[in-house]
């Protein structure tokens, strides 16, 4: 589900551009106008997809119990989260300490 949500702007933009291009070509518009309309449709619906993606990522993360600052059960922070102000030596020391266990 999350991979689909992350691709939502591209999917919505592409579908809208293809639909507008098809309708424009069937109605007999010039190729330049068709391209301009398709590009505008892609931009509008990709922007709409971005807004939906941010809203749905929040919902998916809340449903699965994940958060951006998630910690492990023992209180250690994962590799994807680095606390501001921590030095490289502290980070390397904590990585070697956890591997020695």
PDB file of N, CA and C in Angstrom:
ATOM      1  N   UNK A   1       0.829  -1.196   0.000  1.00  0.00           N
ATOM      2  CA  UNK A   1       0.000   0.000   0.000  1.00  0.00           C
ATOM      3  C   UNK A   1       0.870   1.256   0.000  1.00  0.00           C
ATOM      4  N   UNK A   2       1.966   1.207   0.785  1.00  0.00           N
ATOM      5  CA  UNK A   2       2.796   2.402   0.901  1.00  0.00           C
ATOM      6  C   UNK A   2       3.517   2.708  -0.410  1.00  0.00           C
ATOM      7  N   UNK A   3       3.933   1.672  -1.153  1.00  0.00           N
ATOM      8  CA  UNK A   3       4.608   1.933  -2.425  1.00  0.00           C
ATOM      9  C   UNK A   3       3.656   2.575  -3.424  1.00  0.00           C
ATOM     10  N   UNK A   4       2.382   2.188  -3.390  1.00  0.00           N
ATOM     11  CA  UNK A   4       1.390   2.814  -4.263  1.00  0.00           C
ATOM     12  C   UNK A   4       1.183   4.274  -3.873  1.00  0.00           C
ATOM     13  N   UNK A   5       1.134   4.547  -2.582  1.00  0.00           N
ATOM     14  CA  UNK A   5       0.931   5.921  -2.104  1.00  0.00           C
ATOM     15  C   UNK A   5       2.101   6.808  -2.512  1.00  0.00           C
ATOM     16  N   UNK A   6       3.322   6.277  -2.470  1.00  0.00           N
ATOM     17  CA  UNK A   6       4.481   7.070  -2.839  1.00  0.00           C
ATOM     18  C   UNK A   6       4.520   7.372  -4.336  1.00  0.00           C
ATOM     19  N   UNK A   7       3.901   6.525  -5.158  1.00  0.00           N
ATOM     20  CA  UNK A   7       3.872   6.737  -6.602  1.00  0.00           C
ATOM     21  C   UNK A   7       2.623   7.471  -7.063  1.00  0.00           C
ATOM     22  N   UNK A   8       1.791   7.898  -6.145  1.00  0.00           N
ATOM     23  CA  UNK A   8       0.512   8.517  -6.484  1.00  0.00           C
ATOM     24  C   UNK A   8       0.628   9.745  -7.382  1.00  0.00           C
ATOM     25  N   UNK A   9       1.547  10.691  -7.157  1.00  0.00           N
ATOM     26  CA  UNK A   9       1.635  11.843  -8.067  1.00  0.00           C
ATOM     27  C   UNK A   9       1.945  11.447  -9.504  1.00  0.00           C
ATOM     28  N   UNK A  10       2.844  10.507  -9.677  1.00  0.00           N
ATOM     29  CA  UNK A  10       3.198  10.066 -11.023  1.00  0.00           C
ATOM     30  C   UNK A  10       2.032   9.355 -11.699  1.00  0.00           C
ATOM     31  N   UNK A  11       1.350   8.520 -10.957  1.00  0.00           N
ATOM     32  CA  UNK A  11       0.226   7.770 -11.524  1.00  0.00           C
ATOM     33  C   UNK A  11      -0.904   8.720 -11.914  1.00  0.00           C
ATOM     34  N   UNK A  12      -1.289   9.608 -11.000  1.00  0.00           N
ATOM     35  CA  UNK A  12      -2.388  10.539 -11.308  1.00  0.00           C
ATOM     36  C   UNK A  12      -2.022  11.468 -12.463  1.00  0.00           C
ATOM     37  N   UNK A  13      -0.811  11.992 -12.448  1.00  0.00           N
ATOM     38  CA  UNK A  13      -0.383  12.898 -13.513  1.00  0.00           C
ATOM     39  C   UNK A  13      -0.341  12.207 -14.863  1.00  0.00           C
ATOM     40  N   UNK A  14       0.182  10.995 -14.901  1.00  0.00           N
ATOM     41  CA  UNK A  14       0.275  10.259 -16.165  1.00  0.00           C
ATOM     42  C   UNK A  14      -1.091   9.889 -16.713  1.00  0.00           C
ATOM     43  N   UNK A  15      -1.977   9.408 -15.842  1.00  0.00           N
ATOM     44  CA  UNK A  15      -3.321   9.061 -16.295  1.00  0.00           C
ATOM     45  C   UNK A  15      -4.067  10.279 -16.826  1.00  0.00           C
ATOM     46  N   UNK A  16      -3.947  11.399 -16.135  1.00  0.00           N
ATOM     47  CA  UNK A  16      -4.623  12.615 -16.584  1.00  0.00           C
ATOM     48  C   UNK A  16      -4.052  13.088 -17.921  1.00  0.00           C
ATOM     49  N   UNK A  17      -2.737  13.044 -18.076  1.00  0.00           N
ATOM     50  CA  UNK A  17      -2.114  13.484 -19.324  1.00  0.00           C
ATOM     51  C   UNK A  17      -2.528  12.584 -20.491  1.00  0.00           C
ATOM     52  N   UNK A  18      -2.569  11.266 -20.257  1.00  0.00           N
ATOM     53  CA  UNK A  18      -2.984  10.360 -21.328  1.00  0.00           C
ATOM     54  C   UNK A  18      -4.444  10.556 -21.709  1.00  0.00           C
ATOM     55  N   UNK A  19      -5.294  10.765 -20.718  1.00  0.00           N
ATOM     56  CA  UNK A  19      -6.715  10.976 -21.000  1.00  0.00           C
ATOM     57  C   UNK A  19      -6.937  12.276 -21.766  1.00  0.00           C
ATOM     58  N   UNK A  20      -6.280  13.342 -21.353  1.00  0.00           N
ATOM     59  CA  UNK A  20      -6.420  14.626 -22.037  1.00  0.00           C
ATOM     60  C   UNK A  20      -5.851  14.550 -23.452  1.00  0.00           C
ATOM     61  N   UNK A  21      -4.719  13.870 -23.613  1.00  0.00           N
ATOM     62  CA  UNK A  21      -4.139  13.729 -24.956  1.00  0.00           C
ATOM     63  C   UNK A  21      -5.066  12.934 -25.867  1.00  0.00           C
ATOM     64  N   UNK A  22      -5.655  11.872 -25.346  1.00  0.00           N
ATOM     65  CA  UNK A  22      -6.574  11.070 -26.149  1.00  0.00           C
ATOM     66  C   UNK A  22      -7.799  11.874 -26.574  1.00  0.00           C
ATOM     67  N   UNK A  23      -8.403  12.568 -25.632  1.00  0.00           N
ATOM     68  CA  UNK A  23      -9.596  13.363 -25.941  1.00  0.00           C
ATOM     69  C   UNK A  23      -9.254  14.500 -26.901  1.00  0.00           C
ATOM     70  N   UNK A  24      -8.093  15.116 -26.720  1.00  0.00           N
ATOM     71  CA  UNK A  24      -7.680  16.205 -27.607  1.00  0.00           C
ATOM     72  C   UNK A  24      -7.442  15.704 -29.031  1.00  0.00           C
ATOM     73  N   UNK A  25      -6.802  14.565 -29.159  1.00  0.00           N
ATOM     74  CA  UNK A  25      -6.535  14.033 -30.494  1.00  0.00           C
ATOM     75  C   UNK A  25      -7.820  13.573 -31.185  1.00  0.00           C
ATOM     76  N   UNK A  26      -8.761  13.012 -30.420  1.00  0.00           N
ATOM     77  CA  UNK A  26     -10.039  12.576 -31.002  1.00  0.00           C
ATOM     78  C   UNK A  26     -10.850  13.781 -31.468  1.00  0.00           C
ATOM     79  N   UNK A  27     -10.776  14.870 -30.710  1.00  0.00           N
ATOM     80  CA  UNK A  27     -11.554  16.051 -31.083  1.00  0.00           C
ATOM     81  C   UNK A  27     -10.898  16.849 -32.204  1.00  0.00           C
ATOM     82  N   UNK A  28      -9.661  16.514 -32.576  1.00  0.00           N
ATOM     83  CA  UNK A  28      -9.034  17.129 -33.734  1.00  0.00           C
ATOM     84  C   UNK A  28      -8.227  18.376 -33.447  1.00  0.00           C
ATOM     85  N   UNK A  29      -7.694  18.526 -32.269  1.00  0.00           N
ATOM     86  CA  UNK A  29      -6.858  19.692 -31.983  1.00  0.00           C
ATOM     87  C   UNK A  29      -5.472  19.492 -32.589  1.00  0.00           C
ATOM     88  N   UNK A  30      -4.739  20.566 -32.700  1.00  0.00           N
ATOM     89  CA  UNK A  30      -3.395  20.483 -33.265  1.00  0.00           C
ATOM     90  C   UNK A  30      -2.458  19.776 -32.279  1.00  0.00           C
ATOM     91  N   UNK A  31      -1.391  19.162 -32.777  1.00  0.00           N
ATOM     92  CA  UNK A  31      -0.463  18.457 -31.887  1.00  0.00           C
ATOM     93  C   UNK A  31       0.181  19.361 -30.827  1.00  0.00           C
ATOM     94  N   UNK A  32       0.482  20.598 -31.167  1.00  0.00           N
ATOM     95  CA  UNK A  32       1.064  21.520 -30.183  1.00  0.00           C
ATOM     96  C   UNK A  32       0.107  21.822 -29.043  1.00  0.00           C
ATOM     97  N   UNK A  33      -1.157  22.027 -29.395  1.00  0.00           N
ATOM     98  CA  UNK A  33      -2.170  22.275 -28.364  1.00  0.00           C
ATOM     99  C   UNK A  33      -2.386  21.032 -27.512  1.00  0.00           C
ATOM    100  N   UNK A  34      -2.334  19.891 -28.154  1.00  0.00           N
ATOM    101  CA  UNK A  34      -2.498  18.626 -27.436  1.00  0.00           C
ATOM    102  C   UNK A  34      -1.384  18.435 -26.414  1.00  0.00           C
ATOM    103  N   UNK A  35      -0.164  18.739 -26.799  1.00  0.00           N
ATOM    104  CA  UNK A  35       0.973  18.603 -25.891  1.00  0.00           C
ATOM    105  C   UNK A  35       0.857  19.597 -24.740  1.00  0.00           C
ATOM    106  N   UNK A  36       0.454  20.824 -25.048  1.00  0.00           N
ATOM    107  CA  UNK A  36       0.313  21.842 -23.998  1.00  0.00           C
ATOM    108  C   UNK A  36      -0.772  21.455 -22.996  1.00  0.00           C
ATOM    109  N   UNK A  37      -1.894  20.965 -23.503  1.00  0.00           N
ATOM    110  CA  UNK A  37      -2.976  20.538 -22.610  1.00  0.00           C
ATOM    111  C   UNK A  37      -2.550  19.340 -21.764  1.00  0.00           C
ATOM    112  N   UNK A  38      -1.830  18.404 -22.378  1.00  0.00           N
ATOM    113  CA  UNK A  38      -1.378  17.219 -21.640  1.00  0.00           C
ATOM    114  C   UNK A  38      -0.379  17.596 -20.547  1.00  0.00           C
ATOM    115  N   UNK A  39       0.532  18.504 -20.867  1.00  0.00           N
ATOM    116  CA  UNK A  39       1.512  18.945 -19.863  1.00  0.00           C
ATOM    117  C   UNK A  39       0.827  19.669 -18.708  1.00  0.00           C
ATOM    118  N   UNK A  40      -0.161  20.499 -19.031  1.00  0.00           N
ATOM    119  CA  UNK A  40      -0.888  21.205 -17.973  1.00  0.00           C
ATOM    120  C   UNK A  40      -1.666  20.219 -17.106  1.00  0.00           C
ATOM    121  N   UNK A  41      -2.293  19.223 -17.726  1.00  0.00           N
ATOM    122  CA  UNK A  41      -3.036  18.219 -16.959  1.00  0.00           C
ATOM    123  C   UNK A  41      -2.100  17.421 -16.069  1.00  0.00           C
ATOM    124  N   UNK A  42      -0.920  17.066 -16.604  1.00  0.00           N
ATOM    125  CA  UNK A  42       0.050  16.325 -15.797  1.00  0.00           C
ATOM    126  C   UNK A  42       0.469  17.134 -14.579  1.00  0.00           C
ATOM    127  N   UNK A  43       0.796  18.404 -14.766  1.00  0.00           N
ATOM    128  CA  UNK A  43       1.247  19.237 -13.650  1.00  0.00           C
ATOM    129  C   UNK A  43       0.173  19.421 -12.591  1.00  0.00           C
ATOM    130  N   UNK A  44      -1.055  19.665 -13.032  1.00  0.00           N
ATOM    131  CA  UNK A  44      -2.144  19.889 -12.074  1.00  0.00           C
ATOM    132  C   UNK A  44      -2.416  18.629 -11.269  1.00  0.00           C
ATOM    133  N   UNK A  45      -2.539  17.492 -11.951  1.00  0.00           N
ATOM    134  CA  UNK A  45      -2.886  16.271 -11.236  1.00  0.00           C
ATOM    135  C   UNK A  45      -1.708  15.682 -10.475  1.00  0.00           C
ATOM    136  N   UNK A  46      -0.477  15.930 -10.914  1.00  0.00           N
ATOM    137  CA  UNK A  46       0.677  15.515 -10.124  1.00  0.00           C
ATOM    138  C   UNK A  46       0.747  16.334  -8.830  1.00  0.00           C
ATOM    139  N   UNK A  47       0.430  17.625  -8.910  1.00  0.00           N
ATOM    140  CA  UNK A  47       0.360  18.446  -7.697  1.00  0.00           C
ATOM    141  C   UNK A  47      -0.723  17.976  -6.760  1.00  0.00           C
ATOM    142  N   UNK A  48      -1.874  17.619  -7.320  1.00  0.00           N
ATOM    143  CA  UNK A  48      -2.958  17.070  -6.510  1.00  0.00           C
ATOM    144  C   UNK A  48      -2.529  15.740  -5.883  1.00  0.00           C
ATOM    145  N   UNK A  49      -1.775  14.943  -6.636  1.00  0.00           N
ATOM    146  CA  UNK A  49      -1.266  13.683  -6.111  1.00  0.00           C
ATOM    147  C   UNK A  49      -0.270  13.886  -4.987  1.00  0.00           C
ATOM    148  N   UNK A  50       0.533  14.949  -5.068  1.00  0.00           N
ATOM    149  CA  UNK A  50       1.465  15.256  -3.972  1.00  0.00           C
ATOM    150  C   UNK A  50       0.722  15.559  -2.684  1.00  0.00           C
ATOM    151  N   UNK A  51      -0.345  16.343  -2.797  1.00  0.00           N
ATOM    152  CA  UNK A  51      -1.143  16.670  -1.612  1.00  0.00           C
ATOM    153  C   UNK A  51      -1.765  15.403  -1.041  1.00  0.00           C
ATOM    154  N   UNK A  52      -2.306  14.561  -1.913  1.00  0.00           N
ATOM    155  CA  UNK A  52      -2.889  13.302  -1.448  1.00  0.00           C
ATOM    156  C   UNK A  52      -1.834  12.391  -0.838  1.00  0.00           C
ATOM    157  N   UNK A  53      -0.638  12.379  -1.430  1.00  0.00           N
ATOM    158  CA  UNK A  53       0.421  11.514  -0.909  1.00  0.00           C
ATOM    159  C   UNK A  53       0.788  11.901   0.510  1.00  0.00           C
ATOM    160  N   UNK A  54       0.943  13.195   0.775  1.00  0.00           N
ATOM    161  CA  UNK A  54       1.287  13.609   2.130  1.00  0.00           C
ATOM    162  C   UNK A  54       0.194  13.251   3.123  1.00  0.00           C
ATOM    163  N   UNK A  55      -1.064  13.387   2.703  1.00  0.00           N
ATOM    164  CA  UNK A  55      -2.167  13.040   3.597  1.00  0.00           C
ATOM    165  C   UNK A  55      -2.237  11.529   3.824  1.00  0.00           C
ATOM    166  N   UNK A  56      -2.053  10.754   2.768  1.00  0.00           N
ATOM    167  CA  UNK A  56      -2.173   9.306   2.894  1.00  0.00           C
ATOM    168  C   UNK A  56      -0.970   8.667   3.575  1.00  0.00           C
ATOM    169  N   UNK A  57       0.213   9.249   3.447  1.00  0.00           N
ATOM    170  CA  UNK A  57       1.378   8.711   4.150  1.00  0.00           C
ATOM    171  C   UNK A  57       1.164   8.839   5.651  1.00  0.00           C
ATOM    172  N   UNK A  58       0.572   9.945   6.077  1.00  0.00           N
ATOM    173  CA  UNK A  58       0.257  10.109   7.500  1.00  0.00           C
ATOM    174  C   UNK A  58      -0.701   9.024   7.966  1.00  0.00           C
ATOM    175  N   UNK A  59      -1.722   8.740   7.157  1.00  0.00           N
ATOM    176  CA  UNK A  59      -2.726   7.738   7.526  1.00  0.00           C
ATOM    177  C   UNK A  59      -2.104   6.343   7.545  1.00  0.00           C
ATOM    178  N   UNK A  60      -1.292   6.026   6.529  1.00  0.00           N
ATOM    179  CA  UNK A  60      -0.673   4.703   6.459  1.00  0.00           C
ATOM    180  C   UNK A  60       0.303   4.514   7.615  1.00  0.00           C
ATOM    181  N   UNK A  61       1.090   5.541   7.931  1.00  0.00           N
ATOM    182  CA  UNK A  61       2.024   5.436   9.054  1.00  0.00           C
ATOM    183  C   UNK A  61       1.285   5.282  10.379  1.00  0.00           C
ATOM    184  N   UNK A  62       0.184   5.996  10.538  1.00  0.00           N
ATOM    185  CA  UNK A  62      -0.593   5.877  11.774  1.00  0.00           C
ATOM    186  C   UNK A  62      -1.228   4.492  11.880  1.00  0.00           C
ATOM    187  N   UNK A  63      -1.658   3.936  10.759  1.00  0.00           N
ATOM    188  CA  UNK A  63      -2.294   2.620  10.775  1.00  0.00           C
ATOM    189  C   UNK A  63      -1.292   1.515  11.072  1.00  0.00           C
ATOM    190  N   UNK A  64      -0.067   1.664  10.598  1.00  0.00           N
ATOM    191  CA  UNK A  64       0.940   0.634  10.834  1.00  0.00           C
ATOM    192  C   UNK A  64       1.742   0.887  12.104  1.00  0.00           C
ATOM    193  N   UNK A  65       1.539   2.023  12.737  1.00  0.00           N
ATOM    194  CA  UNK A  65       2.230   2.324  13.989  1.00  0.00           C
ATOM    195  C   UNK A  65       3.629   2.859  13.802  1.00  0.00           C
ATOM    196  N   UNK A  66       3.943   3.344  12.612  1.00  0.00           N
ATOM    197  CA  UNK A  66       5.271   3.894  12.352  1.00  0.00           C
ATOM    198  C   UNK A  66       5.242   5.402  12.502  1.00  0.00           C
ATOM    199  N   UNK A  67       6.382   5.954  12.840  1.00  0.00           N
ATOM    200  CA  UNK A  67       6.503   7.408  12.866  1.00  0.00           C
ATOM    201  C   UNK A  67       7.921   7.769  12.459  1.00  0.00           C
ATOM    202  N   UNK A  68       8.125   9.023  12.138  1.00  0.00           N
ATOM    203  CA  UNK A  68       9.442   9.458  11.664  1.00  0.00           C
ATOM    204  C   UNK A  68      10.491   9.337  12.760  1.00  0.00           C
ATOM    205  N   UNK A  69      10.119   9.512  13.990  1.00  0.00           N
ATOM    206  CA  UNK A  69      11.072   9.438  15.096  1.00  0.00           C
ATOM    207  C   UNK A  69      10.951   8.152  15.883  1.00  0.00           C
ATOM    208  N   UNK A  70      10.620   7.070  15.233  1.00  0.00           N
ATOM    209  CA  UNK A  70      10.414   5.800  15.925  1.00  0.00           C
ATOM    210  C   UNK A  70      11.712   5.294  16.544  1.00  0.00           C
ATOM    211  N   UNK A  71      11.607   4.821  17.772  1.00  0.00           N
ATOM    212  CA  UNK A  71      12.763   4.269  18.458  1.00  0.00           C
ATOM    213  C   UNK A  71      12.558   2.779  18.641  1.00  0.00           C
ATOM    214  N   UNK A  72      13.666   2.075  18.849  1.00  0.00           N
ATOM    215  CA  UNK A  72      13.587   0.653  19.121  1.00  0.00           C
ATOM    216  C   UNK A  72      13.131   0.447  20.554  1.00  0.00           C
ATOM    217  N   UNK A  73      12.816  -0.761  20.921  1.00  0.00           N
ATOM    218  CA  UNK A  73      12.326  -1.062  22.257  1.00  0.00           C
ATOM    219  C   UNK A  73      13.310  -0.723  23.352  1.00  0.00           C
ATOM    220  N   UNK A  74      14.612  -0.788  23.074  1.00  0.00           N
ATOM    221  CA  UNK A  74      15.606  -0.511  24.113  1.00  0.00           C
ATOM    222  C   UNK A  74      15.964   0.974  24.202  1.00  0.00           C
ATOM    223  N   UNK A  75      15.286   1.831  23.451  1.00  0.00           N
ATOM    224  CA  UNK A  75      15.523   3.266  23.512  1.00  0.00           C
ATOM    225  C   UNK A  75      16.554   3.764  22.534  1.00  0.00           C
ATOM    226  N   UNK A  76      17.213   2.851  21.802  1.00  0.00           N
ATOM    227  CA  UNK A  76      18.203   3.290  20.827  1.00  0.00           C
ATOM    228  C   UNK A  76      17.505   3.778  19.568  1.00  0.00           C
ATOM    229  N   UNK A  77      18.109   4.748  18.944  1.00  0.00           N
ATOM    230  CA  UNK A  77      17.540   5.335  17.737  1.00  0.00           C
ATOM    231  C   UNK A  77      18.049   4.548  16.541  1.00  0.00           C
ATOM    232  N   UNK A  78      17.184   4.327  15.538  1.00  0.00           N
ATOM    233  CA  UNK A  78      17.567   3.582  14.346  1.00  0.00           C
ATOM    234  C   UNK A  78      18.572   4.338  13.496  1.00  0.00           C
ATOM    235  N   UNK A  79      19.120   3.659  12.496  1.00  0.00           N
ATOM    236  CA  UNK A  79      20.129   4.278  11.647  1.00  0.00           C
ATOM    237  C   UNK A  79      19.562   5.389  10.779  1.00  0.00           C
ATOM    238  N   UNK A  80      18.271   5.371  10.517  1.00  0.00           N
ATOM    239  CA  UNK A  80      17.682   6.393   9.669  1.00  0.00           C
ATOM    240  C   UNK A  80      17.385   7.682  10.430  1.00  0.00           C
ATOM    241  N   UNK A  81      17.560   7.687  11.749  1.00  0.00           N
ATOM    242  CA  UNK A  81      17.296   8.876  12.554  1.00  0.00           C
ATOM    243  C   UNK A  81      18.579   9.248  13.294  1.00  0.00           C
ATOM    244  N   UNK A  82      19.079  10.442  13.029  1.00  0.00           N
ATOM    245  CA  UNK A  82      20.270  10.932  13.723  1.00  0.00           C
ATOM    246  C   UNK A  82      19.850  12.150  14.530  1.00  0.00           C
ATOM    247  N   UNK A  83      20.104  12.096  15.807  1.00  0.00           N
ATOM    248  CA  UNK A  83      19.724  13.177  16.708  1.00  0.00           C
ATOM    249  C   UNK A  83      20.619  14.378  16.427  1.00  0.00           C
ATOM    250  N   UNK A  84      20.044  15.575  16.245  1.00  0.00           N
ATOM    251  CA  UNK A  84      20.869  16.760  16.004  1.00  0.00           C
ATOM    252  C   UNK A  84      21.807  17.028  17.179  1.00  0.00           C
ATOM    253  N   UNK A  85      23.037  17.402  16.867  1.00  0.00           N
ATOM    254  CA  UNK A  85      24.014  17.708  17.896  1.00  0.00           C
ATOM    255  C   UNK A  85      24.886  16.526  18.269  1.00  0.00           C
ATOM    256  N   UNK A  86      24.623  15.358  17.726  1.00  0.00           N
ATOM    257  CA  UNK A  86      25.456  14.203  18.054  1.00  0.00           C
ATOM    258  C   UNK A  86      26.700  14.200  17.175  1.00  0.00           C
ATOM    259  N   UNK A  87      27.818  13.827  17.767  1.00  0.00           N
ATOM    260  CA  UNK A  87      29.069  13.835  17.013  1.00  0.00           C
ATOM    261  C   UNK A  87      29.239  12.516  16.263  1.00  0.00           C
ATOM    262  N   UNK A  88      30.142  12.536  15.298  1.00  0.00           N
ATOM    263  CA  UNK A  88      30.412  11.335  14.512  1.00  0.00           C
ATOM    264  C   UNK A  88      31.010  10.254  15.404  1.00  0.00           C
ATOM    265  N   UNK A  89      31.863  10.659  16.340  1.00  0.00           N
ATOM    266  CA  UNK A  89      32.482   9.689  17.246  1.00  0.00           C
ATOM    267  C   UNK A  89      31.419   8.988  18.094  1.00  0.00           C
ATOM    268  N   UNK A  90      30.424   9.755  18.564  1.00  0.00           N
ATOM    269  CA  UNK A  90      29.342   9.146  19.340  1.00  0.00           C
ATOM    270  C   UNK A  90      28.549   8.163  18.486  1.00  0.00           C
ATOM    271  N   UNK A  91      28.286   8.557  17.240  1.00  0.00           N
ATOM    272  CA  UNK A  91      27.518   7.671  16.362  1.00  0.00           C
ATOM    273  C   UNK A  91      28.308   6.413  16.030  1.00  0.00           C
ATOM    274  N   UNK A  92      29.598   6.554  15.751  1.00  0.00           N
ATOM    275  CA  UNK A  92      30.414   5.378  15.461  1.00  0.00           C
ATOM    276  C   UNK A  92      30.618   4.526  16.695  1.00  0.00           C
ATOM    277  N   UNK A  93      30.737   5.162  17.839  1.00  0.00           N
ATOM    278  CA  UNK A  93      30.889   4.413  19.088  1.00  0.00           C
ATOM    279  C   UNK A  93      29.645   3.615  19.417  1.00  0.00           C
ATOM    280  N   UNK A  94      28.485   4.191  19.186  1.00  0.00           N
ATOM    281  CA  UNK A  94      27.249   3.462  19.474  1.00  0.00           C
ATOM    282  C   UNK A  94      27.043   2.326  18.497  1.00  0.00           C
ATOM    283  N   UNK A  95      27.537   2.483  17.260  1.00  0.00           N
ATOM    284  CA  UNK A  95      27.401   1.407  16.272  1.00  0.00           C
ATOM    285  C   UNK A  95      28.318   0.242  16.637  1.00  0.00           C
ATOM    286  N   UNK A  96      29.521   0.539  17.111  1.00  0.00           N
ATOM    287  CA  UNK A  96      30.438  -0.544  17.483  1.00  0.00           C
ATOM    288  C   UNK A  96      30.013  -1.175  18.797  1.00  0.00           C
ATOM    289  N   UNK A  97      29.443  -0.389  19.721  1.00  0.00           N
ATOM    290  CA  UNK A  97      28.967  -0.938  20.971  1.00  0.00           C
ATOM    291  C   UNK A  97      27.837  -1.923  20.759  1.00  0.00           C
ATOM    292  N   UNK A  98      26.918  -1.601  19.849  1.00  0.00           N
ATOM    293  CA  UNK A  98      25.769  -2.480  19.609  1.00  0.00           C
ATOM    294  C   UNK A  98      26.188  -3.738  18.864  1.00  0.00           C
ATOM    295  N   UNK A  99      27.270  -3.669  18.051  1.00  0.00           N
ATOM    296  CA  UNK A  99      27.717  -4.867  17.331  1.00  0.00           C
ATOM    297  C   UNK A  99      28.542  -5.790  18.232  1.00  0.00           C
ATOM    298  N   UNK A 100      29.082  -5.257  19.334  1.00  0.00           N
ATOM    299  CA  UNK A 100      29.874  -6.085  20.254  1.00  0.00           C
ATOM    300  C   UNK A 100      29.004  -6.962  21.122  1.00  0.00           C
ATOM    301  N   UNK A 101      27.736  -6.667  21.228  1.00  0.00           N
ATOM    302  CA  UNK A 101      26.836  -7.402  22.126  1.00  0.00           C
ATOM    303  C   UNK A 101      26.599  -8.791  21.685  1.00  0.00           C
TER     304      UNK A 101
END
